[in-house]
């Protein structure tokens, strides 16, 4: 029976936004619902106001019960009793607090409307809404260790009169006590679940998924400690990657300089996919951090990073330029103009990386550059050039390929022969199709 009532209260609380995942919308719906009740109280009859206030009262209890049910489900997930995603559940902590605060308004108005209908209290002449509000404060004082009774403190001039008024007063007092006790117990349970889960994350990163975004503040605090290293640090980074936590990117990037967890840190930033901190890291004085940032940007392959990578080429050494060119290559057509420009680099590996990135480029601009590079001093470059020329069905590539048949490097000779054979077969197929 109690379970059914609890379930009905949880369902009723959806009218106050407890089923909404987006926090701002959830709070907006809750405050709007209570605002409608409060405003309507002053512009309707006492009977309608009384009904609306009881609905608001049930709404407060319902939101509290929905919060409890929500937290129990999160605890079950954290303890591996459920495989649901905690971040797909609404976070009802703030809603529970704001709804409980509504009792400061609902209770005085409910006693006022109840008195208007049933005559429950001894109300002096000229009593205003402020007197009823103070009666609500008296009720709150009695729920907190009943110290107002001990010291004889009474804020309102309104007195209890009928037995019905006393019953209502007691019911509301028990409600406040219930919400206070429920809230305190649940807060301690939340803190315990999070602390236990975070402690387990350093051994099992999966626990981060089971805790959801609530684990993030504690994990970030652990990562801020520069003495926090090794396997435990790796697991924390993996946990933040699982949570796709963008605010962790800067702290993770700082770990690029740690050779032991460099690869894990780079993979984590790729999983998170947030490029601004990586772009900023390109200006770091640490070569390891710059290298990690370039690697991450290469795997993310975002068009927005092209200007940053091109700018970094100007001041980078040959090794770094090669990494940057490979990062540009992963982006695609947007980077083709810069990759063609990189073909004139003084470093062989940079040229080869650029040629690999232009594999799908069949434009005339690249063909003319390849013709000019056919006489490059490096055999590896010439080999890559004669291989790339077979993509162009243009008579202008025949002469440099024919000249490459006399190259001093046997690999270049063989590749030139294969490229010419390929172009010849392509021309033959085109001729056959035109004859038909």
Protein backbone atom coordinates (compact mmCIF):
# COMPACT_ATOMS: atom_id res chain seq x y z
CA UNK A 1 0.00 0.00 0.00
CA UNK A 2 2.72 2.46 0.98
CA UNK A 3 4.68 1.48 -2.12
CA UNK A 4 1.69 2.31 -4.32
CA UNK A 5 1.25 5.68 -2.62
CA UNK A 6 4.96 6.41 -3.06
CA UNK A 7 4.74 5.46 -6.74
CA UNK A 8 1.73 7.74 -7.22
CA UNK A 9 3.56 10.63 -5.58
CA UNK A 10 6.57 10.10 -7.86
CA UNK A 11 4.29 10.10 -10.92
CA UNK A 12 2.49 13.22 -9.68
CA UNK A 13 5.84 14.98 -9.26
CA UNK A 14 6.35 14.85 -13.03
CA UNK A 15 3.92 17.78 -13.23
CA UNK A 16 6.68 19.69 -11.42
CA UNK A 17 9.41 18.73 -13.92
CA UNK A 18 11.06 15.75 -12.23
CA UNK A 19 11.09 13.77 -15.48
CA UNK A 20 13.05 16.44 -17.38
CA UNK A 21 16.75 15.72 -17.95
CA UNK A 22 17.88 19.24 -18.91
CA UNK A 23 18.60 21.03 -15.58
CA UNK A 24 17.54 24.58 -16.48
CA UNK A 25 14.28 23.44 -18.06
CA UNK A 26 13.62 21.14 -15.11
CA UNK A 27 14.03 23.97 -12.58
CA UNK A 28 12.03 26.34 -14.78
CA UNK A 29 9.05 23.97 -14.92
CA UNK A 30 9.19 23.39 -11.16
CA UNK A 31 9.29 27.10 -10.28
CA UNK A 32 6.58 27.89 -12.84
CA UNK A 33 4.27 25.22 -11.40
CA UNK A 34 4.67 26.52 -7.86
CA UNK A 35 4.37 30.14 -9.02
CA UNK A 36 1.02 29.34 -10.65
CA UNK A 37 -0.19 27.83 -7.36
CA UNK A 38 1.04 30.76 -5.24
CA UNK A 39 -0.41 33.43 -7.53
CA UNK A 40 -3.72 31.62 -8.01
CA UNK A 41 -4.13 31.50 -4.22
CA UNK A 42 -4.57 35.28 -4.09
CA UNK A 43 -6.96 35.52 -7.05
CA UNK A 44 -9.36 32.62 -6.43
CA UNK A 45 -11.90 31.72 -3.78
CA UNK A 46 -10.78 30.20 -0.48
CA UNK A 47 -12.05 26.78 -1.52
CA UNK A 48 -10.12 26.70 -4.83
CA UNK A 49 -7.04 28.14 -3.14
CA UNK A 50 -7.27 25.42 -0.49
CA UNK A 51 -7.34 22.69 -3.17
CA UNK A 52 -4.46 24.24 -5.11
CA UNK A 53 -2.32 24.56 -1.97
CA UNK A 54 -2.90 20.91 -1.08
CA UNK A 55 -1.80 20.03 -4.62
CA UNK A 56 1.33 22.13 -4.06
CA UNK A 57 1.88 20.40 -0.71
CA UNK A 58 1.63 16.98 -2.40
CA UNK A 59 3.95 18.29 -5.10
CA UNK A 60 6.62 19.08 -2.51
CA UNK A 61 6.35 15.59 -1.02
CA UNK A 62 6.25 14.04 -4.51
CA UNK A 63 9.41 15.81 -5.64
CA UNK A 64 11.13 14.65 -2.48
CA UNK A 65 10.07 11.05 -3.07
CA UNK A 66 11.14 11.27 -6.73
CA UNK A 67 14.54 12.47 -5.55
CA UNK A 68 14.83 9.54 -3.15
CA UNK A 69 13.86 7.06 -5.89
CA UNK A 70 16.35 8.72 -8.25
CA UNK A 71 19.18 8.45 -5.71
CA UNK A 72 18.36 4.81 -4.96
CA UNK A 73 18.63 4.04 -8.66
CA UNK A 74 21.99 5.82 -8.86
CA UNK A 75 23.22 3.84 -5.85
CA UNK A 76 22.16 0.60 -7.55
CA UNK A 77 24.14 1.61 -10.65
CA UNK A 78 27.21 2.46 -8.58
CA UNK A 79 27.02 -0.91 -6.83
CA UNK A 80 26.74 -2.72 -10.20
CA UNK A 81 23.19 -3.83 -9.51
CA UNK A 82 22.06 -2.00 -12.65
CA UNK A 83 23.71 -1.19 -16.00
CA UNK A 84 21.77 2.02 -16.67
CA UNK A 85 23.59 5.27 -17.46
CA UNK A 86 23.39 7.63 -14.45
CA UNK A 87 23.80 10.67 -16.70
CA UNK A 88 20.57 9.72 -18.46
CA UNK A 89 18.74 10.22 -15.16
CA UNK A 90 17.62 13.72 -14.15
CA UNK A 91 19.57 15.26 -11.28
CA UNK A 92 16.88 16.17 -8.77
CA UNK A 93 19.01 17.52 -5.94
CA UNK A 94 18.31 21.19 -6.66
CA UNK A 95 14.66 20.51 -7.47
CA UNK A 96 14.24 18.75 -4.11
CA UNK A 97 15.78 21.72 -2.30
CA UNK A 98 13.73 24.33 -4.14
CA UNK A 99 10.50 22.40 -3.67
CA UNK A 100 11.17 22.01 0.06
CA UNK A 101 11.67 25.79 0.30
CA UNK A 102 8.16 26.23 -1.14
CA UNK A 103 6.80 24.98 2.19
CA UNK A 104 7.73 28.37 3.69
CA UNK A 105 5.02 29.82 1.41
CA UNK A 106 2.59 26.91 1.06
CA UNK A 107 2.20 26.12 4.77
CA UNK A 108 1.19 29.65 5.91
CA UNK A 109 -1.16 30.04 2.94
CA UNK A 110 -2.64 26.58 3.56
CA UNK A 111 -3.35 27.40 7.22
CA UNK A 112 -4.82 30.75 6.15
CA UNK A 113 -7.16 29.20 3.57
CA UNK A 114 -8.09 26.38 5.99
CA UNK A 115 -9.01 28.99 8.60
CA UNK A 116 -11.11 30.90 6.05
CA UNK A 117 -13.16 27.76 5.38
CA UNK A 118 -13.21 25.97 8.74
CA UNK A 119 -12.32 28.65 11.34
CA UNK A 120 -9.45 26.68 12.90
CA UNK A 121 -7.37 29.36 14.65
CA UNK A 122 -7.66 32.31 16.96
CA UNK A 123 -6.84 35.24 14.69
CA UNK A 124 -6.65 38.80 16.09
CA UNK A 125 -8.36 41.71 14.38
CA UNK A 126 -6.39 43.20 11.50
CA UNK A 127 -4.18 40.13 10.96
CA UNK A 128 -2.36 40.27 7.63
CA UNK A 129 -0.55 37.79 5.40
CA UNK A 130 2.66 38.55 7.32
CA UNK A 131 1.08 37.15 10.50
CA UNK A 132 0.34 33.89 8.69
CA UNK A 133 3.89 33.82 7.36
CA UNK A 134 5.21 34.24 10.90
CA UNK A 135 2.98 31.35 11.98
CA UNK A 136 4.83 29.26 9.40
CA UNK A 137 8.13 30.40 10.95
CA UNK A 138 6.85 29.32 14.38
CA UNK A 139 6.06 25.91 12.89
CA UNK A 140 9.61 25.66 11.50
CA UNK A 141 11.12 26.60 14.88
CA UNK A 142 9.16 23.84 16.55
CA UNK A 143 10.45 21.28 14.07
CA UNK A 144 14.08 22.15 14.86
CA UNK A 145 14.53 20.61 18.33
CA UNK A 146 11.46 22.58 19.48
CA UNK A 147 13.75 25.25 20.98
CA UNK A 148 11.09 27.94 20.55
CA UNK A 149 8.89 26.10 23.09
CA UNK A 150 11.76 25.95 25.60
CA UNK A 151 12.57 29.66 25.37
CA UNK A 152 9.00 30.82 24.90
CA UNK A 153 9.64 32.29 21.46
CA UNK A 154 6.55 32.97 19.33
CA UNK A 155 6.74 35.11 16.22
CA UNK A 156 3.05 35.21 15.23
CA UNK A 157 0.05 36.58 17.11
CA UNK A 158 -2.16 33.81 15.72
CA UNK A 159 -2.99 31.08 18.25
CA UNK A 160 -4.12 27.48 17.92
CA UNK A 161 -7.80 27.14 18.73
CA UNK A 162 -9.79 24.15 17.45
CA UNK A 163 -8.71 20.51 17.49
CA UNK A 164 -8.81 20.47 13.69
CA UNK A 165 -6.33 23.34 13.60
CA UNK A 166 -4.06 21.44 15.96
CA UNK A 167 -4.27 18.32 13.79
CA UNK A 168 -3.35 20.34 10.71
CA UNK A 169 -0.53 22.02 12.62
CA UNK A 170 0.82 18.62 13.70
CA UNK A 171 0.53 17.15 10.18
CA UNK A 172 2.49 20.03 8.72
CA UNK A 173 5.05 19.81 11.52
CA UNK A 174 5.58 16.11 10.82
CA UNK A 175 5.97 16.89 7.11
CA UNK A 176 8.79 19.34 7.84
CA UNK A 177 10.47 16.80 10.14
CA UNK A 178 10.09 14.09 7.51
CA UNK A 179 11.62 16.23 4.75
CA UNK A 180 14.51 17.33 6.98
CA UNK A 181 15.33 13.78 8.08
CA UNK A 182 14.90 12.39 4.57
CA UNK A 183 17.13 15.11 3.13
CA UNK A 184 19.91 14.68 5.68
CA UNK A 185 19.98 10.90 5.31
CA UNK A 186 20.00 11.10 1.54
CA UNK A 187 22.80 13.71 1.50
CA UNK A 188 24.99 11.47 3.66
CA UNK A 189 24.20 8.51 1.38
CA UNK A 190 25.12 10.51 -1.74
CA UNK A 191 28.42 11.62 -0.23
CA UNK A 192 29.25 8.07 0.83
CA UNK A 193 28.41 6.62 -2.60
CA UNK A 194 30.51 9.22 -4.42
CA UNK A 195 33.49 8.90 -2.07
CA UNK A 196 33.47 5.10 -2.31
CA UNK A 197 33.06 5.23 -6.08
CA UNK A 198 35.88 7.72 -6.60
CA UNK A 199 38.15 5.65 -4.38
CA UNK A 200 37.38 2.67 -6.63
CA UNK A 201 38.05 4.64 -9.85
CA UNK A 202 41.82 4.54 -9.29
CA UNK A 203 41.56 0.76 -9.62
CA UNK A 204 38.61 0.43 -11.99
CA UNK A 205 37.88 3.33 -14.42
CA UNK A 206 34.45 1.81 -15.16
CA UNK A 207 33.26 3.17 -11.82
CA UNK A 208 33.38 6.66 -13.31
CA UNK A 209 30.68 5.63 -15.78
CA UNK A 210 28.61 4.24 -12.92
CA UNK A 211 28.90 7.46 -10.91
CA UNK A 212 28.37 9.77 -13.89
CA UNK A 213 29.24 13.46 -13.85
CA UNK A 214 29.00 13.59 -10.06
CA UNK A 215 32.43 11.99 -9.91
CA UNK A 216 34.06 14.76 -11.96
CA UNK A 217 34.91 17.31 -9.19
CA UNK A 218 36.71 14.68 -7.09
CA UNK A 219 38.54 13.26 -10.12
CA UNK A 220 39.70 16.72 -11.21
CA UNK A 221 40.94 17.39 -7.70
CA UNK A 222 43.00 14.20 -7.82
CA UNK A 223 44.44 15.10 -11.22
CA UNK A 224 45.47 18.57 -10.02
CA UNK A 225 47.94 16.93 -7.63
CA UNK A 226 51.22 16.77 -9.56
CA UNK A 227 52.48 14.04 -7.21
CA UNK A 228 49.59 11.84 -8.32
CA UNK A 229 51.19 9.57 -10.93
CA UNK A 230 51.49 6.05 -12.23
CA UNK A 231 48.75 3.51 -12.75
CA UNK A 232 46.26 5.33 -10.54
CA UNK A 233 46.69 8.55 -12.51
CA UNK A 234 46.21 6.61 -15.76
CA UNK A 235 42.93 5.20 -14.47
CA UNK A 236 41.67 8.63 -13.43
CA UNK A 237 42.47 10.00 -16.90
CA UNK A 238 40.67 7.04 -18.50
CA UNK A 239 37.69 7.69 -16.23
CA UNK A 240 37.49 11.34 -17.28
CA UNK A 241 37.70 10.24 -20.92
CA UNK A 242 34.78 7.86 -20.35
CA UNK A 243 32.78 10.79 -18.96
CA UNK A 244 33.79 13.04 -21.92
CA UNK A 245 34.59 15.77 -19.41
CA UNK A 246 35.79 18.87 -21.29
CA UNK A 247 36.89 20.68 -18.14
CA UNK A 248 39.50 17.97 -17.64
CA UNK A 249 41.30 18.64 -20.92
CA UNK A 250 43.78 21.20 -19.60
CA UNK A 251 44.80 18.99 -16.67
CA UNK A 252 45.12 15.96 -18.95
CA UNK A 253 47.25 17.94 -21.44
CA UNK A 254 49.66 18.78 -18.63
CA UNK A 255 50.25 15.02 -18.33
CA UNK A 256 51.53 14.86 -21.94
CA UNK A 257 54.97 15.62 -20.49
CA UNK A 258 54.86 12.41 -18.43
CA UNK A 259 56.28 9.66 -20.67
CA UNK A 260 54.64 6.95 -18.56
CA UNK A 261 51.09 8.11 -19.24
CA UNK A 262 51.64 10.20 -22.41
CA UNK A 263 49.78 7.78 -24.69
CA UNK A 264 46.83 7.43 -22.30
CA UNK A 265 46.56 11.20 -21.91
CA UNK A 266 46.59 11.77 -25.68
CA UNK A 267 43.94 9.07 -26.22
CA UNK A 268 41.80 10.68 -23.50
CA UNK A 269 41.83 14.10 -25.18
CA UNK A 270 40.90 12.44 -28.48
CA UNK A 271 37.97 10.66 -26.80
CA UNK A 272 36.78 13.93 -25.27
CA UNK A 273 37.21 15.68 -28.64
CA UNK A 274 37.50 19.23 -27.29
CA UNK A 275 40.02 21.07 -29.50
CA UNK A 276 40.50 24.58 -27.94
CA UNK A 277 42.82 23.37 -25.11
CA UNK A 278 44.80 21.32 -27.65
CA UNK A 279 45.15 24.35 -29.93
CA UNK A 280 46.43 26.37 -27.00
CA UNK A 281 48.85 23.56 -26.11
CA UNK A 282 50.52 23.98 -29.52
CA UNK A 283 52.20 27.07 -28.04
CA UNK A 284 53.65 25.18 -25.08
CA UNK A 285 57.38 25.31 -24.42
CA UNK A 286 57.37 21.56 -23.74
CA UNK A 287 58.09 19.52 -26.84
CA UNK A 288 56.24 16.50 -25.41
CA UNK A 289 53.12 18.58 -24.84
CA UNK A 290 53.27 19.99 -28.37
CA UNK A 291 53.83 16.51 -29.79
CA UNK A 292 50.87 15.12 -27.84
CA UNK A 293 48.66 18.01 -28.97
CA UNK A 294 49.60 17.45 -32.63
CA UNK A 295 48.90 13.72 -32.33
CA UNK A 296 45.52 14.37 -30.73
CA UNK A 297 44.58 16.94 -33.37
CA UNK A 298 45.58 14.48 -36.10
CA UNK A 299 43.21 11.85 -34.69
CA UNK A 300 40.38 14.34 -34.15
CA UNK A 301 40.86 15.67 -37.72
CA UNK A 302 38.81 18.84 -37.32
CA UNK A 303 38.78 21.45 -40.12
CA UNK A 304 38.86 24.18 -37.46
CA UNK A 305 42.42 23.23 -36.49
CA UNK A 306 43.96 23.88 -39.93
CA UNK A 307 45.01 27.53 -39.25
CA UNK A 308 46.70 26.53 -35.99
CA UNK A 309 48.60 23.66 -37.60
CA UNK A 310 49.70 25.80 -40.56
CA UNK A 311 50.89 28.54 -38.21
CA UNK A 312 52.86 25.99 -36.16
CA UNK A 313 54.71 24.83 -39.29
CA UNK A 314 56.58 28.13 -39.47
CA UNK A 315 58.50 27.68 -36.22
CA UNK A 316 58.65 23.88 -35.89
CA UNK A 317 61.73 21.70 -36.36
CA UNK A 318 61.83 18.99 -39.02
CA UNK A 319 60.45 16.23 -36.77
CA UNK A 320 57.59 18.39 -35.58
CA UNK A 321 56.86 19.58 -39.12
CA UNK A 322 56.43 15.97 -40.20
CA UNK A 323 53.90 15.37 -37.39
CA UNK A 324 52.04 18.56 -38.29
CA UNK A 325 51.89 17.60 -41.97
CA UNK A 326 50.48 14.20 -41.03
CA UNK A 327 47.90 15.96 -38.87
CA UNK A 328 46.95 18.14 -41.84
CA UNK A 329 46.76 15.05 -44.04
CA UNK A 330 44.09 13.52 -41.79
CA UNK A 331 41.80 16.51 -42.30
CA UNK A 332 41.27 16.08 -46.03
CA UNK A 333 40.69 18.48 -48.92
CA UNK A 334 40.76 21.60 -46.75
CA UNK A 335 44.45 21.02 -46.10
CA UNK A 336 45.49 20.22 -49.72
CA UNK A 337 46.88 23.72 -50.51
CA UNK A 338 49.10 23.59 -47.42
CA UNK A 339 50.22 20.03 -48.14
CA UNK A 340 51.22 21.03 -51.69
CA UNK A 341 53.23 23.87 -50.20
CA UNK A 342 54.91 21.40 -47.83
CA UNK A 343 56.28 19.52 -50.89
CA UNK A 344 58.92 22.22 -51.12
CA UNK A 345 60.15 21.56 -47.56
CA UNK A 346 63.85 20.87 -47.09
CA UNK A 347 63.22 17.70 -45.08
CA UNK A 348 62.62 14.43 -46.90
CA UNK A 349 60.20 12.99 -44.31
CA UNK A 350 58.07 16.11 -44.48
CA UNK A 351 57.84 15.79 -48.27
CA UNK A 352 56.91 12.11 -48.05
CA UNK A 353 54.28 12.83 -45.41
CA UNK A 354 52.79 15.54 -47.64
CA UNK A 355 52.73 13.19 -50.64
CA UNK A 356 50.90 10.58 -48.57
CA UNK A 357 48.34 13.19 -47.53
CA UNK A 358 47.73 14.11 -51.17
CA UNK A 359 46.95 10.56 -52.30
CA UNK A 360 43.40 11.53 -53.30
CA UNK A 361 44.39 14.82 -54.95
CA UNK A 362 44.18 14.54 -58.75
CA UNK A 363 44.37 18.24 -59.53
CA UNK A 364 46.62 19.86 -62.11
CA UNK A 365 48.41 21.92 -59.47
CA UNK A 366 49.75 18.77 -57.80
CA UNK A 367 50.65 17.19 -61.15
CA UNK A 368 52.84 20.16 -62.09
CA UNK A 369 54.56 20.01 -58.71
CA UNK A 370 55.25 16.29 -59.15
CA UNK A 371 56.78 16.87 -62.57
CA UNK A 372 59.13 19.38 -60.98
CA UNK A 373 60.00 16.97 -58.17
CA UNK A 374 60.85 14.09 -60.49
CA UNK A 375 64.50 15.17 -60.34
CA UNK A 376 64.66 15.48 -56.54
CA UNK A 377 68.01 14.62 -55.01
CA UNK A 378 66.48 12.07 -52.64
CA UNK A 379 65.66 8.65 -54.10
CA UNK A 380 62.78 8.06 -51.66
CA UNK A 381 61.12 11.28 -52.81
CA UNK A 382 61.62 10.38 -56.50
CA UNK A 383 60.13 6.94 -55.82
CA UNK A 384 57.03 8.47 -54.20
CA UNK A 385 56.74 10.99 -57.05
CA UNK A 386 56.80 8.45 -59.90
CA UNK A 387 54.31 6.34 -57.96
CA UNK A 388 51.95 9.33 -57.58
CA UNK A 389 52.22 10.26 -61.29
CA UNK A 390 50.25 7.20 -62.38
CA UNK A 391 47.11 8.88 -61.02
CA UNK A 392 47.22 11.51 -63.78
CA UNK A 393 46.06 10.55 -67.27
CA UNK A 394 47.90 13.50 -68.79
CA UNK A 395 50.55 13.30 -71.46
CA UNK A 396 52.77 15.73 -69.56
CA UNK A 397 53.72 13.08 -67.02
CA UNK A 398 55.04 10.67 -69.65
CA UNK A 399 58.34 12.49 -70.22
CA UNK A 400 59.43 12.58 -66.54
CA UNK A 401 58.36 8.95 -66.14
CA UNK A 402 60.35 7.94 -69.22
CA UNK A 403 63.37 9.80 -67.84
CA UNK A 404 62.94 7.96 -64.53
CA UNK A 405 63.52 4.68 -66.38
CA UNK A 406 67.17 5.70 -66.39
CA UNK A 407 67.25 6.65 -62.70
CA UNK A 408 70.26 5.58 -60.63
CA UNK A 409 67.96 3.90 -58.06
CA UNK A 410 66.55 0.54 -59.10
CA UNK A 411 63.36 1.07 -57.08
CA UNK A 412 62.61 4.28 -58.98
CA UNK A 413 63.23 2.51 -62.34
CA UNK A 414 60.82 -0.32 -61.49
CA UNK A 415 58.12 2.04 -60.21
CA UNK A 416 58.48 4.26 -63.31
CA UNK A 417 57.95 1.19 -65.50
CA UNK A 418 54.83 0.18 -63.49
CA UNK A 419 53.43 3.72 -63.68
CA UNK A 420 53.93 3.89 -67.46
CA UNK A 421 52.32 0.47 -67.88
CA UNK A 422 49.36 1.61 -65.81
CA UNK A 423 48.91 4.79 -67.82
CA UNK A 424 49.18 2.79 -71.04
CA UNK A 425 46.44 0.39 -69.91
CA UNK A 426 44.22 3.32 -68.89
CA UNK A 427 44.71 4.92 -72.33
CA UNK A 428 43.94 1.61 -74.03
CA UNK A 429 40.68 1.21 -72.06
CA UNK A 430 39.63 4.74 -72.96
CA UNK A 431 40.42 4.03 -76.64
CA UNK A 432 38.35 0.84 -76.62
CA UNK A 433 35.38 2.54 -75.01
CA UNK A 434 35.49 5.41 -77.55
CA UNK A 435 35.59 2.90 -80.47
CA UNK A 436 32.43 1.29 -79.17
